[in-house]
PDB file of all heavy atoms in Angstrom:
ATOM      1  N   ASN A   1    -132.447 -46.496-136.931  1.00  0.00           N
ATOM      2  CA  ASN A   1    -132.245 -46.841-138.346  1.00  0.00           C
ATOM      3  C   ASN A   1    -130.939 -46.191-138.802  1.00  0.00           C
ATOM      4  O   ASN A   1    -130.950 -45.188-139.528  1.00  0.00           O
ATOM      5  CB  ASN A   1    -133.411 -46.396-139.212  1.00  0.00           C
ATOM      6  CG  ASN A   1    -133.267 -46.805-140.671  1.00  0.00           C
ATOM      7  OD1 ASN A   1    -132.455 -47.676-140.998  1.00  0.00           O
ATOM      8  ND2 ASN A   1    -133.994 -46.146-141.531  1.00  0.00           N
ATOM      9  N   GLY A   2    -129.812 -46.708-138.326  1.00  0.00           N
ATOM     10  CA  GLY A   2    -128.546 -46.203-138.762  1.00  0.00           C
ATOM     11  C   GLY A   2    -127.952 -45.051-137.960  1.00  0.00           C
ATOM     12  O   GLY A   2    -128.566 -44.568-136.969  1.00  0.00           O
ATOM     13  N   LEU A   3    -126.738 -44.625-138.381  1.00  0.00           N
ATOM     14  CA  LEU A   3    -125.975 -43.639-137.599  1.00  0.00           C
ATOM     15  C   LEU A   3    -126.685 -42.252-137.583  1.00  0.00           C
ATOM     16  O   LEU A   3    -126.652 -41.584-136.528  1.00  0.00           O
ATOM     17  CB  LEU A   3    -124.608 -43.454-138.216  1.00  0.00           C
ATOM     18  CG  LEU A   3    -123.680 -42.438-137.564  1.00  0.00           C
ATOM     19  CD1 LEU A   3    -123.404 -42.821-136.116  1.00  0.00           C
ATOM     20  CD2 LEU A   3    -122.350 -42.328-138.327  1.00  0.00           C
ATOM     21  N   ASN A   4    -127.298 -41.832-138.643  1.00  0.00           N
ATOM     22  CA  ASN A   4    -127.923 -40.492-138.666  1.00  0.00           C
ATOM     23  C   ASN A   4    -129.020 -40.387-137.648  1.00  0.00           C
ATOM     24  O   ASN A   4    -129.096 -39.365-136.915  1.00  0.00           O
ATOM     25  CB  ASN A   4    -128.505 -40.192-140.068  1.00  0.00           C
ATOM     26  CG  ASN A   4    -127.418 -39.869-141.069  1.00  0.00           C
ATOM     27  OD1 ASN A   4    -126.308 -39.342-140.674  1.00  0.00           O
ATOM     28  ND2 ASN A   4    -127.611 -40.123-142.342  1.00  0.00           N
ATOM     29  N   GLU A   5    -129.849 -41.407-137.517  1.00  0.00           N
ATOM     30  CA  GLU A   5    -130.903 -41.351-136.516  1.00  0.00           C
ATOM     31  C   GLU A   5    -130.280 -41.381-135.111  1.00  0.00           C
ATOM     32  O   GLU A   5    -130.821 -40.729-134.209  1.00  0.00           O
ATOM     33  CB  GLU A   5    -131.920 -42.487-136.707  1.00  0.00           C
ATOM     34  CG  GLU A   5    -133.070 -42.409-135.690  1.00  0.00           C
ATOM     35  CD  GLU A   5    -134.089 -43.516-135.844  1.00  0.00           C
ATOM     36  OE1 GLU A   5    -134.033 -44.250-136.844  1.00  0.00           O
ATOM     37  OE2 GLU A   5    -134.904 -43.658-134.944  1.00  0.00           O
ATOM     38  N   ALA A   6    -129.219 -42.179-134.912  1.00  0.00           N
ATOM     39  CA  ALA A   6    -128.569 -42.237-133.611  1.00  0.00           C
ATOM     40  C   ALA A   6    -128.054 -40.878-133.187  1.00  0.00           C
ATOM     41  O   ALA A   6    -128.225 -40.398-132.077  1.00  0.00           O
ATOM     42  CB  ALA A   6    -127.453 -43.245-133.611  1.00  0.00           C
ATOM     43  N   ILE A   7    -127.450 -40.164-134.154  1.00  0.00           N
ATOM     44  CA  ILE A   7    -126.909 -38.850-133.850  1.00  0.00           C
ATOM     45  C   ILE A   7    -128.057 -37.865-133.555  1.00  0.00           C
ATOM     46  O   ILE A   7    -127.939 -37.033-132.629  1.00  0.00           O
ATOM     47  CB  ILE A   7    -126.070 -38.331-135.050  1.00  0.00           C
ATOM     48  CG1 ILE A   7    -124.750 -39.153-135.111  1.00  0.00           C
ATOM     49  CG2 ILE A   7    -125.755 -36.845-134.912  1.00  0.00           C
ATOM     50  CD1 ILE A   7    -123.884 -38.829-136.301  1.00  0.00           C
ATOM     51  N   GLU A   8    -129.123 -37.961-134.251  1.00  0.00           N
ATOM     52  CA  GLU A   8    -130.310 -37.132-133.960  1.00  0.00           C
ATOM     53  C   GLU A   8    -130.797 -37.368-132.561  1.00  0.00           C
ATOM     54  O   GLU A   8    -131.135 -36.422-131.832  1.00  0.00           O
ATOM     55  CB  GLU A   8    -131.423 -37.419-134.966  1.00  0.00           C
ATOM     56  CG  GLU A   8    -131.127 -36.924-136.377  1.00  0.00           C
ATOM     57  CD  GLU A   8    -132.237 -37.319-137.370  1.00  0.00           C
ATOM     58  OE1 GLU A   8    -133.245 -37.895-136.914  1.00  0.00           O
ATOM     59  OE2 GLU A   8    -132.031 -37.108-138.586  1.00  0.00           O
ATOM     60  N   ARG A   9    -130.877 -38.609-132.128  1.00  0.00           N
ATOM     61  CA  ARG A   9    -131.328 -38.955-130.782  1.00  0.00           C
ATOM     62  C   ARG A   9    -130.392 -38.354-129.760  1.00  0.00           C
ATOM     63  O   ARG A   9    -130.823 -37.802-128.729  1.00  0.00           O
ATOM     64  CB  ARG A   9    -131.405 -40.475-130.623  1.00  0.00           C
ATOM     65  CG  ARG A   9    -132.386 -41.178-131.540  1.00  0.00           C
ATOM     66  CD  ARG A   9    -133.789 -41.080-131.027  1.00  0.00           C
ATOM     67  NE  ARG A   9    -134.689 -41.985-131.749  1.00  0.00           N
ATOM     68  CZ  ARG A   9    -135.962 -42.112-131.462  1.00  0.00           C
ATOM     69  NH1 ARG A   9    -136.524 -41.408-130.536  1.00  0.00           N
ATOM     70  NH2 ARG A   9    -136.730 -42.966-132.140  1.00  0.00           N
ATOM     71  N   ILE A  10    -129.066 -38.508-129.983  1.00  0.00           N
ATOM     72  CA  ILE A  10    -128.083 -37.987-129.041  1.00  0.00           C
ATOM     73  C   ILE A  10    -128.233 -36.479-128.918  1.00  0.00           C
ATOM     74  O   ILE A  10    -128.180 -35.919-127.797  1.00  0.00           O
ATOM     75  CB  ILE A  10    -126.655 -38.383-129.509  1.00  0.00           C
ATOM     76  CG1 ILE A  10    -126.459 -39.882-129.413  1.00  0.00           C
ATOM     77  CG2 ILE A  10    -125.584 -37.630-128.705  1.00  0.00           C
ATOM     78  CD1 ILE A  10    -125.221 -40.375-130.102  1.00  0.00           C
ATOM     79  N   ASN A  11    -128.385 -35.756-129.989  1.00  0.00           N
ATOM     80  CA  ASN A  11    -128.459 -34.327-129.970  1.00  0.00           C
ATOM     81  C   ASN A  11    -129.766 -33.763-129.444  1.00  0.00           C
ATOM     82  O   ASN A  11    -129.880 -32.570-129.196  1.00  0.00           O
ATOM     83  CB  ASN A  11    -128.194 -33.775-131.316  1.00  0.00           C
ATOM     84  CG  ASN A  11    -126.714 -33.969-131.796  1.00  0.00           C
ATOM     85  OD1 ASN A  11    -125.829 -34.048-130.926  1.00  0.00           O
ATOM     86  ND2 ASN A  11    -126.464 -33.977-133.079  1.00  0.00           N
ATOM     87  N   GLN A  12    -130.763 -34.650-129.235  1.00  0.00           N
ATOM     88  CA  GLN A  12    -131.990 -34.217-128.622  1.00  0.00           C
ATOM     89  C   GLN A  12    -131.880 -34.129-127.091  1.00  0.00           C
ATOM     90  O   GLN A  12    -132.792 -33.612-126.452  1.00  0.00           O
ATOM     91  CB  GLN A  12    -133.138 -35.192-128.969  1.00  0.00           C
ATOM     92  CG  GLN A  12    -133.594 -35.084-130.440  1.00  0.00           C
ATOM     93  CD  GLN A  12    -134.568 -36.180-130.804  1.00  0.00           C
ATOM     94  OE1 GLN A  12    -135.043 -36.918-129.964  1.00  0.00           O
ATOM     95  NE2 GLN A  12    -134.844 -36.283-132.112  1.00  0.00           N
ATOM     96  N   ARG A  13    -130.791 -34.624-126.561  1.00  0.00           N
ATOM     97  CA  ARG A  13    -130.545 -34.650-125.121  1.00  0.00           C
ATOM     98  C   ARG A  13    -129.425 -33.702-124.728  1.00  0.00           C
ATOM     99  O   ARG A  13    -128.631 -33.312-125.593  1.00  0.00           O
ATOM    100  CB  ARG A  13    -130.216 -36.072-124.638  1.00  0.00           C
ATOM    101  CG  ARG A  13    -131.294 -37.116-124.981  1.00  0.00           C
ATOM    102  CD  ARG A  13    -131.055 -38.346-124.158  1.00  0.00           C
ATOM    103  NE  ARG A  13    -131.153 -37.986-122.758  1.00  0.00           N
ATOM    104  CZ  ARG A  13    -132.260 -37.921-122.033  1.00  0.00           C
ATOM    105  NH1 ARG A  13    -133.397 -38.153-122.618  1.00  0.00           N
ATOM    106  NH2 ARG A  13    -132.250 -37.585-120.766  1.00  0.00           N
ATOM    107  N   PRO A  14    -129.307 -33.313-123.439  1.00  0.00           N
ATOM    108  CA  PRO A  14    -128.122 -32.540-123.059  1.00  0.00           C
ATOM    109  C   PRO A  14    -126.809 -33.284-123.356  1.00  0.00           C
ATOM    110  O   PRO A  14    -126.772 -34.514-123.462  1.00  0.00           O
ATOM    111  CB  PRO A  14    -128.341 -32.376-121.547  1.00  0.00           C
ATOM    112  CG  PRO A  14    -129.799 -32.536-121.313  1.00  0.00           C
ATOM    113  CD  PRO A  14    -130.242 -33.546-122.384  1.00  0.00           C
ATOM    114  N   LYS A  15    -125.744 -32.518-123.471  1.00  0.00           N
ATOM    115  CA  LYS A  15    -124.417 -33.070-123.801  1.00  0.00           C
ATOM    116  C   LYS A  15    -124.014 -34.070-122.709  1.00  0.00           C
ATOM    117  O   LYS A  15    -123.936 -33.704-121.506  1.00  0.00           O
ATOM    118  CB  LYS A  15    -123.408 -31.965-123.984  1.00  0.00           C
ATOM    119  CG  LYS A  15    -123.726 -31.059-125.126  1.00  0.00           C
ATOM    120  CD  LYS A  15    -122.749 -29.897-125.199  1.00  0.00           C
ATOM    121  CE  LYS A  15    -123.114 -28.967-126.364  1.00  0.00           C
ATOM    122  NZ  LYS A  15    -122.162 -27.829-126.450  1.00  0.00           N
ATOM    123  N   PRO A  16    -123.652 -35.314-123.079  1.00  0.00           N
ATOM    124  CA  PRO A  16    -123.288 -36.310-122.056  1.00  0.00           C
ATOM    125  C   PRO A  16    -121.813 -36.232-121.678  1.00  0.00           C
ATOM    126  O   PRO A  16    -120.985 -35.597-122.321  1.00  0.00           O
ATOM    127  CB  PRO A  16    -123.549 -37.605-122.808  1.00  0.00           C
ATOM    128  CG  PRO A  16    -123.251 -37.290-124.208  1.00  0.00           C
ATOM    129  CD  PRO A  16    -123.710 -35.874-124.427  1.00  0.00           C
ATOM    130  N   LEU A  17    -121.495 -36.848-120.563  1.00  0.00           N
ATOM    131  CA  LEU A  17    -120.125 -36.955-120.096  1.00  0.00           C
ATOM    132  C   LEU A  17    -119.268 -37.828-120.938  1.00  0.00           C
ATOM    133  O   LEU A  17    -118.113 -37.556-121.205  1.00  0.00           O
ATOM    134  CB  LEU A  17    -120.075 -37.448-118.641  1.00  0.00           C
ATOM    135  CG  LEU A  17    -118.724 -37.549-117.955  1.00  0.00           C
ATOM    136  CD1 LEU A  17    -118.020 -36.147-117.903  1.00  0.00           C
ATOM    137  CD2 LEU A  17    -118.869 -38.066-116.533  1.00  0.00           C
ATOM    138  N   ALA A  18    -119.878 -38.902-121.445  1.00  0.00           N
ATOM    139  CA  ALA A  18    -119.140 -39.827-122.338  1.00  0.00           C
ATOM    140  C   ALA A  18    -120.044 -40.236-123.484  1.00  0.00           C
ATOM    141  O   ALA A  18    -121.261 -40.285-123.361  1.00  0.00           O
ATOM    142  CB  ALA A  18    -118.684 -41.066-121.572  1.00  0.00           C
ATOM    143  N   LEU A  19    -119.448 -40.583-124.616  1.00  0.00           N
ATOM    144  CA  LEU A  19    -120.170 -41.049-125.765  1.00  0.00           C
ATOM    145  C   LEU A  19    -119.380 -42.243-126.382  1.00  0.00           C
ATOM    146  O   LEU A  19    -118.174 -42.119-126.559  1.00  0.00           O
ATOM    147  CB  LEU A  19    -120.334 -39.919-126.791  1.00  0.00           C
ATOM    148  CG  LEU A  19    -121.368 -40.086-127.884  1.00  0.00           C
ATOM    149  CD1 LEU A  19    -121.682 -38.709-128.533  1.00  0.00           C
ATOM    150  CD2 LEU A  19    -120.939 -41.039-128.986  1.00  0.00           C
ATOM    151  N   TYR A  20    -120.115 -43.308-126.680  1.00  0.00           N
ATOM    152  CA  TYR A  20    -119.445 -44.497-127.168  1.00  0.00           C
ATOM    153  C   TYR A  20    -119.994 -44.934-128.519  1.00  0.00           C
ATOM    154  O   TYR A  20    -121.233 -44.855-128.748  1.00  0.00           O
ATOM    155  CB  TYR A  20    -119.655 -45.693-126.171  1.00  0.00           C
ATOM    156  CG  TYR A  20    -119.139 -45.339-124.786  1.00  0.00           C
ATOM    157  CD1 TYR A  20    -120.020 -45.109-123.714  1.00  0.00           C
ATOM    158  CD2 TYR A  20    -117.773 -45.175-124.528  1.00  0.00           C
ATOM    159  CE1 TYR A  20    -119.559 -44.787-122.446  1.00  0.00           C
ATOM    160  CE2 TYR A  20    -117.330 -44.876-123.275  1.00  0.00           C
ATOM    161  CZ  TYR A  20    -118.186 -44.676-122.249  1.00  0.00           C
ATOM    162  OH  TYR A  20    -117.737 -44.318-120.978  1.00  0.00           O
ATOM    163  N   LEU A  21    -119.132 -45.354-129.392  1.00  0.00           N
ATOM    164  CA  LEU A  21    -119.558 -45.871-130.712  1.00  0.00           C
ATOM    165  C   LEU A  21    -118.824 -47.206-130.998  1.00  0.00           C
ATOM    166  O   LEU A  21    -117.603 -47.277-130.867  1.00  0.00           O
ATOM    167  CB  LEU A  21    -119.187 -44.886-131.813  1.00  0.00           C
ATOM    168  CG  LEU A  21    -119.393 -45.384-133.251  1.00  0.00           C
ATOM    169  CD1 LEU A  21    -120.862 -45.590-133.556  1.00  0.00           C
ATOM    170  CD2 LEU A  21    -118.781 -44.433-134.275  1.00  0.00           C
ATOM    171  N   PHE A  22    -119.601 -48.175-131.354  1.00  0.00           N
ATOM    172  CA  PHE A  22    -119.047 -49.463-131.778  1.00  0.00           C
ATOM    173  C   PHE A  22    -119.251 -49.626-133.287  1.00  0.00           C
ATOM    174  O   PHE A  22    -120.351 -49.843-133.776  1.00  0.00           O
ATOM    175  CB  PHE A  22    -119.703 -50.601-131.028  1.00  0.00           C
ATOM    176  CG  PHE A  22    -119.324 -50.693-129.572  1.00  0.00           C
ATOM    177  CD1 PHE A  22    -120.001 -49.841-128.644  1.00  0.00           C
ATOM    178  CD2 PHE A  22    -118.331 -51.487-129.122  1.00  0.00           C
ATOM    179  CE1 PHE A  22    -119.630 -49.840-127.296  1.00  0.00           C
ATOM    180  CE2 PHE A  22    -117.950 -51.522-127.786  1.00  0.00           C
ATOM    181  CZ  PHE A  22    -118.605 -50.714-126.859  1.00  0.00           C
ATOM    182  N   SER A  23    -118.177 -49.434-134.008  1.00  0.00           N
ATOM    183  CA  SER A  23    -118.186 -49.542-135.477  1.00  0.00           C
ATOM    184  C   SER A  23    -116.775 -49.621-135.978  1.00  0.00           C
ATOM    185  O   SER A  23    -115.853 -49.041-135.427  1.00  0.00           O
ATOM    186  CB  SER A  23    -118.879 -48.335-136.077  1.00  0.00           C
ATOM    187  OG  SER A  23    -118.783 -48.324-137.504  1.00  0.00           O
ATOM    188  N   LYS A  24    -116.582 -50.339-137.093  1.00  0.00           N
ATOM    189  CA  LYS A  24    -115.277 -50.437-137.715  1.00  0.00           C
ATOM    190  C   LYS A  24    -115.024 -49.289-138.705  1.00  0.00           C
ATOM    191  O   LYS A  24    -113.899 -49.087-139.176  1.00  0.00           O
ATOM    192  CB  LYS A  24    -115.182 -51.746-138.520  1.00  0.00           C
ATOM    193  CG  LYS A  24    -115.335 -53.006-137.646  1.00  0.00           C
ATOM    194  CD  LYS A  24    -115.419 -54.268-138.476  1.00  0.00           C
ATOM    195  CE  LYS A  24    -115.755 -55.459-137.586  1.00  0.00           C
ATOM    196  NZ  LYS A  24    -115.933 -56.710-138.413  1.00  0.00           N
ATOM    197  N   GLN A  25    -116.017 -48.482-138.988  1.00  0.00           N
ATOM    198  CA  GLN A  25    -115.897 -47.469-140.015  1.00  0.00           C
ATOM    199  C   GLN A  25    -115.301 -46.178-139.452  1.00  0.00           C
ATOM    200  O   GLN A  25    -115.785 -45.586-138.515  1.00  0.00           O
ATOM    201  CB  GLN A  25    -117.300 -47.106-140.563  1.00  0.00           C
ATOM    202  CG  GLN A  25    -118.106 -48.225-141.097  1.00  0.00           C
ATOM    203  CD  GLN A  25    -119.520 -47.801-141.440  1.00  0.00           C
ATOM    204  OE1 GLN A  25    -119.725 -46.777-142.157  1.00  0.00           O
ATOM    205  NE2 GLN A  25    -120.522 -48.505-140.930  1.00  0.00           N
ATOM    206  N   ARG A  26    -114.211 -45.781-140.077  1.00  0.00           N
ATOM    207  CA  ARG A  26    -113.614 -44.522-139.663  1.00  0.00           C
ATOM    208  C   ARG A  26    -114.523 -43.342-139.989  1.00  0.00           C
ATOM    209  O   ARG A  26    -114.579 -42.368-139.237  1.00  0.00           O
ATOM    210  CB  ARG A  26    -112.236 -44.338-140.364  1.00  0.00           C
ATOM    211  CG  ARG A  26    -111.518 -43.039-140.057  1.00  0.00           C
ATOM    212  CD  ARG A  26    -111.206 -42.908-138.582  1.00  0.00           C
ATOM    213  NE  ARG A  26    -110.597 -41.699-138.244  1.00  0.00           N
ATOM    214  CZ  ARG A  26    -109.297 -41.493-138.158  1.00  0.00           C
ATOM    215  NH1 ARG A  26    -108.463 -42.491-138.382  1.00  0.00           N
ATOM    216  NH2 ARG A  26    -108.793 -40.329-137.828  1.00  0.00           N
ATOM    217  N   GLU A  27    -115.257 -43.460-141.083  1.00  0.00           N
ATOM    218  CA  GLU A  27    -116.198 -42.401-141.414  1.00  0.00           C
ATOM    219  C   GLU A  27    -117.261 -42.210-140.348  1.00  0.00           C
ATOM    220  O   GLU A  27    -117.625 -41.053-140.026  1.00  0.00           O
ATOM    221  CB  GLU A  27    -116.880 -42.742-142.763  1.00  0.00           C
ATOM    222  CG  GLU A  27    -117.793 -41.630-143.243  1.00  0.00           C
ATOM    223  CD  GLU A  27    -118.485 -41.988-144.554  1.00  0.00           C
ATOM    224  OE1 GLU A  27    -118.158 -43.042-145.136  1.00  0.00           O
ATOM    225  OE2 GLU A  27    -119.382 -41.231-144.981  1.00  0.00           O
ATOM    226  N   ALA A  28    -117.761 -43.331-139.791  1.00  0.00           N
ATOM    227  CA  ALA A  28    -118.761 -43.196-138.738  1.00  0.00           C
ATOM    228  C   ALA A  28    -118.168 -42.560-137.498  1.00  0.00           C
ATOM    229  O   ALA A  28    -118.803 -41.735-136.828  1.00  0.00           O
ATOM    230  CB  ALA A  28    -119.286 -44.593-138.371  1.00  0.00           C
TER     231      ALA A  28
END
């Protein structure tokens, strides 16, 4: 449900080698 939940999910796991975001928003 949006970027905040995505970030929470990412931070629940060990730090990855790469991270990808598809969005036009510079703020995101």
